[in-house]
Amino acid sequence: MQNDIPHRKRVKHYHDPGDLHELTFSCYRRLQLLTNDAWRTNLARSIDTAMAAWSLRLIAFVFMPNHVHLLVLPLTSEPQIDKLLADIKRPCSVAAKADLLQSGSTLLDKLTIRTRPGVRAFRFWQEGPGYDRNLRTEAAVLASIEYIHTNPVKSQLCKRASQWHWSSARWYESDGQLLDPLLPIIHPLPGEFFESPTLS
């Protein structure tokens, strides 16, 4: 029955013209896997590549130790959110597995599960499409950016949002002047996307 399926596996990505998407996806079993700078850098590169490939702009983001929040603006009428997420997650998972194999880490066993008899699979990310919330108004978008940026503060990882390196908070605080090659590319400057009539 439909009600027996976990919520995250019932999530469907849908889009109306003008919507921004607040996306959330988690590490496997909410383990704190995103504490490795090399893995976080791989994630940033994957986001840049996937955004360009699927015609979306990144508006805001934060990498938490066990999950990720992205706010994205589609540039097409029918964005492929599921493919975007797959292209973000897959390279990170492949790179992490290679690192663990090379180092002989015991974490590899913890992240390798039996999917069916005789078949085992590596899991860096929690299965399912994650969380996708559509935003249409300026107030909703601003609230989402605030929520994303204050995640590390609420988790007591820092005192101010701009102190958390793996976030777009410092970029916003500097009015787009602070560019960090290790972080995803943010577009556009704060407020520019509100010029669209669908967001007025």
C-alpha atoms as a PDB file:
ATOM      1  CA  MET A   1       0.000   0.000   0.000  1.00  0.00           C
ATOM      2  CA  GLN A   2       1.124   3.589  -0.673  1.00  0.00           C
ATOM      3  CA  ASN A   3       1.061   4.501   3.017  1.00  0.00           C
ATOM      4  CA  ASP A   4       3.573   1.764   3.796  1.00  0.00           C
ATOM      5  CA  ILE A   5       6.245   3.393   1.626  1.00  0.00           C
ATOM      6  CA  PRO A   6       8.669   5.643   3.572  1.00  0.00           C
ATOM      7  CA  HIS A   7       8.003   9.342   2.958  1.00  0.00           C
ATOM      8  CA  ARG A   8      11.325  10.040   1.252  1.00  0.00           C
ATOM      9  CA  LYS A   9      10.614   7.330  -1.330  1.00  0.00           C
ATOM     10  CA  ARG A  10       7.177   8.826  -2.107  1.00  0.00           C
ATOM     11  CA  VAL A  11       8.562  12.302  -2.862  1.00  0.00           C
ATOM     12  CA  LYS A  12       7.913  13.381  -6.449  1.00  0.00           C
ATOM     13  CA  HIS A  13       9.711  16.258  -8.123  1.00  0.00           C
ATOM     14  CA  TYR A  14       7.245  18.607  -9.822  1.00  0.00           C
ATOM     15  CA  HIS A  15       7.677  22.071 -11.280  1.00  0.00           C
ATOM     16  CA  ASP A  16       5.598  25.080 -12.255  1.00  0.00           C
ATOM     17  CA  PRO A  17       7.197  27.943 -14.225  1.00  0.00           C
ATOM     18  CA  GLY A  18       8.836  30.396 -11.853  1.00  0.00           C
ATOM     19  CA  ASP A  19       9.340  27.916  -9.017  1.00  0.00           C
ATOM     20  CA  LEU A  20      12.614  27.748  -7.160  1.00  0.00           C
ATOM     21  CA  HIS A  21      13.429  24.434  -5.521  1.00  0.00           C
ATOM     22  CA  GLU A  22      14.750  23.945  -1.998  1.00  0.00           C
ATOM     23  CA  LEU A  23      16.447  20.545  -2.090  1.00  0.00           C
ATOM     24  CA  THR A  24      17.655  18.497   0.863  1.00  0.00           C
ATOM     25  CA  PHE A  25      19.478  15.173   0.742  1.00  0.00           C
ATOM     26  CA  SER A  26      21.261  13.222   3.461  1.00  0.00           C
ATOM     27  CA  CYS A  27      24.240  10.985   3.963  1.00  0.00           C
ATOM     28  CA  TYR A  28      23.540   7.294   4.451  1.00  0.00           C
ATOM     29  CA  ARG A  29      21.740   6.775   7.753  1.00  0.00           C
ATOM     30  CA  ARG A  30      22.504  10.430   8.556  1.00  0.00           C
ATOM     31  CA  LEU A  31      26.119   9.516   9.258  1.00  0.00           C
ATOM     32  CA  GLN A  32      28.488  12.478   9.486  1.00  0.00           C
ATOM     33  CA  LEU A  33      30.337  11.749   6.257  1.00  0.00           C
ATOM     34  CA  LEU A  34      30.693  15.361   5.102  1.00  0.00           C
ATOM     35  CA  THR A  35      33.444  16.285   7.535  1.00  0.00           C
ATOM     36  CA  ASN A  36      36.223  15.492   5.070  1.00  0.00           C
ATOM     37  CA  ASP A  37      37.377  18.578   3.140  1.00  0.00           C
ATOM     38  CA  ALA A  38      38.337  16.517   0.090  1.00  0.00           C
ATOM     39  CA  TRP A  39      34.862  14.983  -0.062  1.00  0.00           C
ATOM     40  CA  ARG A  40      33.214  18.374   0.444  1.00  0.00           C
ATOM     41  CA  THR A  41      35.345  19.806  -2.371  1.00  0.00           C
ATOM     42  CA  ASN A  42      34.265  16.916  -4.612  1.00  0.00           C
ATOM     43  CA  LEU A  43      30.653  17.718  -3.729  1.00  0.00           C
ATOM     44  CA  ALA A  44      31.143  21.391  -4.642  1.00  0.00           C
ATOM     45  CA  ARG A  45      32.615  20.451  -8.024  1.00  0.00           C
ATOM     46  CA  SER A  46      29.806  17.985  -8.693  1.00  0.00           C
ATOM     47  CA  ILE A  47      27.235  20.688  -7.947  1.00  0.00           C
ATOM     48  CA  ASP A  48      28.881  23.123 -10.374  1.00  0.00           C
ATOM     49  CA  THR A  49      29.045  20.509 -13.128  1.00  0.00           C
ATOM     50  CA  ALA A  50      25.485  19.278 -12.618  1.00  0.00           C
ATOM     51  CA  MET A  51      24.006  22.781 -12.464  1.00  0.00           C
ATOM     52  CA  ALA A  52      25.568  23.640 -15.835  1.00  0.00           C
ATOM     53  CA  ALA A  53      24.575  20.308 -17.383  1.00  0.00           C
ATOM     54  CA  TRP A  54      20.915  20.570 -16.361  1.00  0.00           C
ATOM     55  CA  SER A  55      20.445  24.334 -16.760  1.00  0.00           C
ATOM     56  CA  LEU A  56      19.882  25.414 -13.168  1.00  0.00           C
ATOM     57  CA  ARG A  57      21.418  28.198 -11.111  1.00  0.00           C
ATOM     58  CA  LEU A  58      22.531  27.754  -7.538  1.00  0.00           C
ATOM     59  CA  ILE A  59      21.029  30.444  -5.304  1.00  0.00           C
ATOM     60  CA  ALA A  60      22.124  29.273  -1.845  1.00  0.00           C
ATOM     61  CA  PHE A  61      23.635  26.202  -0.205  1.00  0.00           C
ATOM     62  CA  VAL A  62      25.038  24.694   2.942  1.00  0.00           C
ATOM     63  CA  PHE A  63      26.959  21.462   3.504  1.00  0.00           C
ATOM     64  CA  MET A  64      26.182  20.098   6.946  1.00  0.00           C
ATOM     65  CA  PRO A  65      28.096  17.126   8.407  1.00  0.00           C
ATOM     66  CA  ASN A  66      25.312  14.700   7.493  1.00  0.00           C
ATOM     67  CA  HIS A  67      23.106  16.472   4.949  1.00  0.00           C
ATOM     68  CA  VAL A  68      23.011  19.129   2.243  1.00  0.00           C
ATOM     69  CA  HIS A  69      20.615  21.984   1.480  1.00  0.00           C
ATOM     70  CA  LEU A  70      20.492  23.590  -1.966  1.00  0.00           C
ATOM     71  CA  LEU A  71      18.261  26.357  -3.299  1.00  0.00           C
ATOM     72  CA  VAL A  72      18.161  26.228  -7.083  1.00  0.00           C
ATOM     73  CA  LEU A  73      16.569  28.249  -9.870  1.00  0.00           C
ATOM     74  CA  PRO A  74      15.645  26.296 -13.042  1.00  0.00           C
ATOM     75  CA  LEU A  75      16.419  28.022 -16.334  1.00  0.00           C
ATOM     76  CA  THR A  76      14.121  25.735 -18.331  1.00  0.00           C
ATOM     77  CA  SER A  77      10.395  25.055 -18.127  1.00  0.00           C
ATOM     78  CA  GLU A  78      10.871  21.366 -17.315  1.00  0.00           C
ATOM     79  CA  PRO A  79      13.945  20.978 -15.086  1.00  0.00           C
ATOM     80  CA  GLN A  80      15.296  17.488 -14.512  1.00  0.00           C
ATOM     81  CA  ILE A  81      15.677  17.654 -10.728  1.00  0.00           C
ATOM     82  CA  ASP A  82      16.054  13.893 -10.330  1.00  0.00           C
ATOM     83  CA  LYS A  83      18.875  13.816 -12.893  1.00  0.00           C
ATOM     84  CA  LEU A  84      20.484  16.879 -11.332  1.00  0.00           C
ATOM     85  CA  LEU A  85      20.595  15.141  -7.949  1.00  0.00           C
ATOM     86  CA  ALA A  86      21.927  11.922  -9.455  1.00  0.00           C
ATOM     87  CA  ASP A  87      24.740  13.824 -11.164  1.00  0.00           C
ATOM     88  CA  ILE A  88      25.582  15.593  -7.910  1.00  0.00           C
ATOM     89  CA  LYS A  89      25.573  12.485  -5.746  1.00  0.00           C
ATOM     90  CA  ARG A  90      27.143   9.856  -7.988  1.00  0.00           C
ATOM     91  CA  PRO A  91      30.635  11.374  -8.436  1.00  0.00           C
ATOM     92  CA  CYS A  92      30.910  12.031  -4.692  1.00  0.00           C
ATOM     93  CA  SER A  93      29.985   8.456  -3.875  1.00  0.00           C
ATOM     94  CA  VAL A  94      32.445   7.024  -6.401  1.00  0.00           C
ATOM     95  CA  ALA A  95      35.293   9.212  -5.146  1.00  0.00           C
ATOM     96  CA  ALA A  96      34.569   8.428  -1.488  1.00  0.00           C
ATOM     97  CA  LYS A  97      34.518   4.695  -2.163  1.00  0.00           C
ATOM     98  CA  ALA A  98      37.849   4.912  -4.004  1.00  0.00           C
ATOM     99  CA  ASP A  99      39.389   6.802  -1.076  1.00  0.00           C
ATOM    100  CA  LEU A 100      38.135   4.227   1.426  1.00  0.00           C
ATOM    101  CA  LEU A 101      39.390   1.337  -0.681  1.00  0.00           C
ATOM    102  CA  GLN A 102      42.815   2.943  -1.015  1.00  0.00           C
ATOM    103  CA  SER A 103      43.121   3.653   2.705  1.00  0.00           C
ATOM    104  CA  GLY A 104      41.644   0.330   3.817  1.00  0.00           C
ATOM    105  CA  SER A 105      39.215   2.172   6.077  1.00  0.00           C
ATOM    106  CA  THR A 106      36.775   0.166   8.169  1.00  0.00           C
ATOM    107  CA  LEU A 107      34.151   2.752   7.177  1.00  0.00           C
ATOM    108  CA  LEU A 108      33.894   0.980   3.839  1.00  0.00           C
ATOM    109  CA  ASP A 109      32.271  -2.027   5.527  1.00  0.00           C
ATOM    110  CA  LYS A 110      29.817   0.235   7.349  1.00  0.00           C
ATOM    111  CA  LEU A 111      28.720   1.822   4.082  1.00  0.00           C
ATOM    112  CA  THR A 112      28.451  -1.423   2.126  1.00  0.00           C
ATOM    113  CA  ILE A 113      25.089  -3.131   2.429  1.00  0.00           C
ATOM    114  CA  ARG A 114      23.440  -6.237   1.061  1.00  0.00           C
ATOM    115  CA  THR A 115      20.669  -5.166  -1.304  1.00  0.00           C
ATOM    116  CA  ARG A 116      19.610  -8.766  -2.025  1.00  0.00           C
ATOM    117  CA  PRO A 117      21.175 -12.225  -1.605  1.00  0.00           C
ATOM    118  CA  GLY A 118      24.637 -12.220  -3.134  1.00  0.00           C
ATOM    119  CA  VAL A 119      24.524  -8.520  -4.084  1.00  0.00           C
ATOM    120  CA  ARG A 120      26.242  -5.773  -2.097  1.00  0.00           C
ATOM    121  CA  ALA A 121      26.235  -2.041  -2.765  1.00  0.00           C
ATOM    122  CA  PHE A 122      28.126   0.986  -1.461  1.00  0.00           C
ATOM    123  CA  ARG A 123      25.953   3.714   0.053  1.00  0.00           C
ATOM    124  CA  PHE A 124      27.294   7.206   0.651  1.00  0.00           C
ATOM    125  CA  TRP A 125      23.886   8.891   0.317  1.00  0.00           C
ATOM    126  CA  GLN A 126      20.567   7.914   1.806  1.00  0.00           C
ATOM    127  CA  GLU A 127      18.362   6.300  -0.819  1.00  0.00           C
ATOM    128  CA  GLY A 128      15.437   8.200  -2.282  1.00  0.00           C
ATOM    129  CA  PRO A 129      14.943  11.643  -3.823  1.00  0.00           C
ATOM    130  CA  GLY A 130      15.287  13.539  -0.553  1.00  0.00           C
ATOM    131  CA  TYR A 131      13.173  16.614   0.116  1.00  0.00           C
ATOM    132  CA  ASP A 132      12.032  19.033  -2.585  1.00  0.00           C
ATOM    133  CA  ARG A 133      10.048  22.159  -1.682  1.00  0.00           C
ATOM    134  CA  ASN A 134       8.842  24.536  -4.391  1.00  0.00           C
ATOM    135  CA  LEU A 135       9.008  28.290  -3.695  1.00  0.00           C
ATOM    136  CA  ARG A 136       7.205  31.005  -5.643  1.00  0.00           C
ATOM    137  CA  THR A 137       7.256  34.218  -3.608  1.00  0.00           C
ATOM    138  CA  GLU A 138      10.069  36.564  -2.642  1.00  0.00           C
ATOM    139  CA  ALA A 139       9.212  36.098   1.040  1.00  0.00           C
ATOM    140  CA  ALA A 140       9.426  32.315   0.740  1.00  0.00           C
ATOM    141  CA  VAL A 141      12.768  32.484  -1.097  1.00  0.00           C
ATOM    142  CA  LEU A 142      14.284  34.873   1.454  1.00  0.00           C
ATOM    143  CA  ALA A 143      13.056  32.664   4.299  1.00  0.00           C
ATOM    144  CA  SER A 144      14.634  29.645   2.606  1.00  0.00           C
ATOM    145  CA  ILE A 145      17.996  31.396   2.228  1.00  0.00           C
ATOM    146  CA  GLU A 146      17.882  32.385   5.901  1.00  0.00           C
ATOM    147  CA  TYR A 147      16.972  28.836   6.916  1.00  0.00           C
ATOM    148  CA  ILE A 148      19.774  27.343   4.835  1.00  0.00           C
ATOM    149  CA  HIS A 149      22.393  29.760   6.143  1.00  0.00           C
ATOM    150  CA  THR A 150      21.430  29.422   9.808  1.00  0.00           C
ATOM    151  CA  ASN A 151      21.548  25.619   9.834  1.00  0.00           C
ATOM    152  CA  PRO A 152      25.136  25.509  11.198  1.00  0.00           C
ATOM    153  CA  VAL A 153      24.261  28.080  13.866  1.00  0.00           C
ATOM    154  CA  LYS A 154      21.236  26.105  15.022  1.00  0.00           C
ATOM    155  CA  SER A 155      23.412  22.988  15.149  1.00  0.00           C
ATOM    156  CA  GLN A 156      25.961  24.909  17.257  1.00  0.00           C
ATOM    157  CA  LEU A 157      28.711  24.467  14.690  1.00  0.00           C
ATOM    158  CA  CYS A 158      29.374  28.216  14.697  1.00  0.00           C
ATOM    159  CA  LYS A 159      28.042  31.414  16.244  1.00  0.00           C
ATOM    160  CA  ARG A 160      27.403  33.304  13.006  1.00  0.00           C
ATOM    161  CA  ALA A 161      26.278  31.857   9.675  1.00  0.00           C
ATOM    162  CA  SER A 162      29.173  33.510   7.832  1.00  0.00           C
ATOM    163  CA  GLN A 163      31.668  31.625  10.038  1.00  0.00           C
ATOM    164  CA  TRP A 164      30.691  28.299   8.439  1.00  0.00           C
ATOM    165  CA  HIS A 165      32.992  27.819   5.464  1.00  0.00           C
ATOM    166  CA  TRP A 166      30.836  25.321   3.515  1.00  0.00           C
ATOM    167  CA  SER A 167      27.956  27.687   2.909  1.00  0.00           C
ATOM    168  CA  SER A 168      26.963  30.610   0.701  1.00  0.00           C
ATOM    169  CA  ALA A 169      26.376  32.830   3.767  1.00  0.00           C
ATOM    170  CA  ARG A 170      29.709  34.661   3.463  1.00  0.00           C
ATOM    171  CA  TRP A 171      29.120  35.219  -0.253  1.00  0.00           C
ATOM    172  CA  TYR A 172      25.812  36.926   0.539  1.00  0.00           C
ATOM    173  CA  GLU A 173      27.301  38.928   3.404  1.00  0.00           C
ATOM    174  CA  SER A 174      29.978  40.307   1.061  1.00  0.00           C
ATOM    175  CA  ASP A 175      27.428  41.167  -1.685  1.00  0.00           C
ATOM    176  CA  GLY A 176      29.019  38.665  -3.995  1.00  0.00           C
ATOM    177  CA  GLN A 177      32.577  39.930  -3.578  1.00  0.00           C
ATOM    178  CA  LEU A 178      33.910  36.932  -1.681  1.00  0.00           C
ATOM    179  CA  LEU A 179      34.813  34.184  -4.146  1.00  0.00           C
ATOM    180  CA  ASP A 180      36.203  30.876  -2.910  1.00  0.00           C
ATOM    181  CA  PRO A 181      37.445  28.350  -5.515  1.00  0.00           C
ATOM    182  CA  LEU A 182      36.547  25.457  -3.195  1.00  0.00           C
ATOM    183  CA  LEU A 183      32.869  26.425  -3.036  1.00  0.00           C
ATOM    184  CA  PRO A 184      30.098  26.093  -5.620  1.00  0.00           C
ATOM    185  CA  ILE A 185      29.449  29.029  -7.911  1.00  0.00           C
ATOM    186  CA  ILE A 186      26.514  31.153  -6.740  1.00  0.00           C
ATOM    187  CA  HIS A 187      24.241  32.955  -9.206  1.00  0.00           C
ATOM    188  CA  PRO A 188      22.863  35.562  -9.240  1.00  0.00           C
ATOM    189  CA  LEU A 189      23.500  38.434  -6.832  1.00  0.00           C
ATOM    190  CA  PRO A 190      20.954  38.731  -4.010  1.00  0.00           C
ATOM    191  CA  GLY A 191      17.669  40.105  -5.291  1.00  0.00           C
ATOM    192  CA  GLU A 192      18.249  39.692  -9.030  1.00  0.00           C
ATOM    193  CA  PHE A 193      15.934  36.726  -9.448  1.00  0.00           C
ATOM    194  CA  PHE A 194      13.032  38.649  -7.913  1.00  0.00           C
ATOM    195  CA  GLU A 195      12.751  40.680 -11.118  1.00  0.00           C
ATOM    196  CA  SER A 196      10.839  37.760 -12.657  1.00  0.00           C
ATOM    197  CA  PRO A 197       7.071  38.516 -12.728  1.00  0.00           C
ATOM    198  CA  THR A 198       6.403  35.029 -11.395  1.00  0.00           C
ATOM    199  CA  LEU A 199       8.161  36.017  -8.161  1.00  0.00           C
ATOM    200  CA  SER A 200       6.587  39.454  -7.698  1.00  0.00           C
END
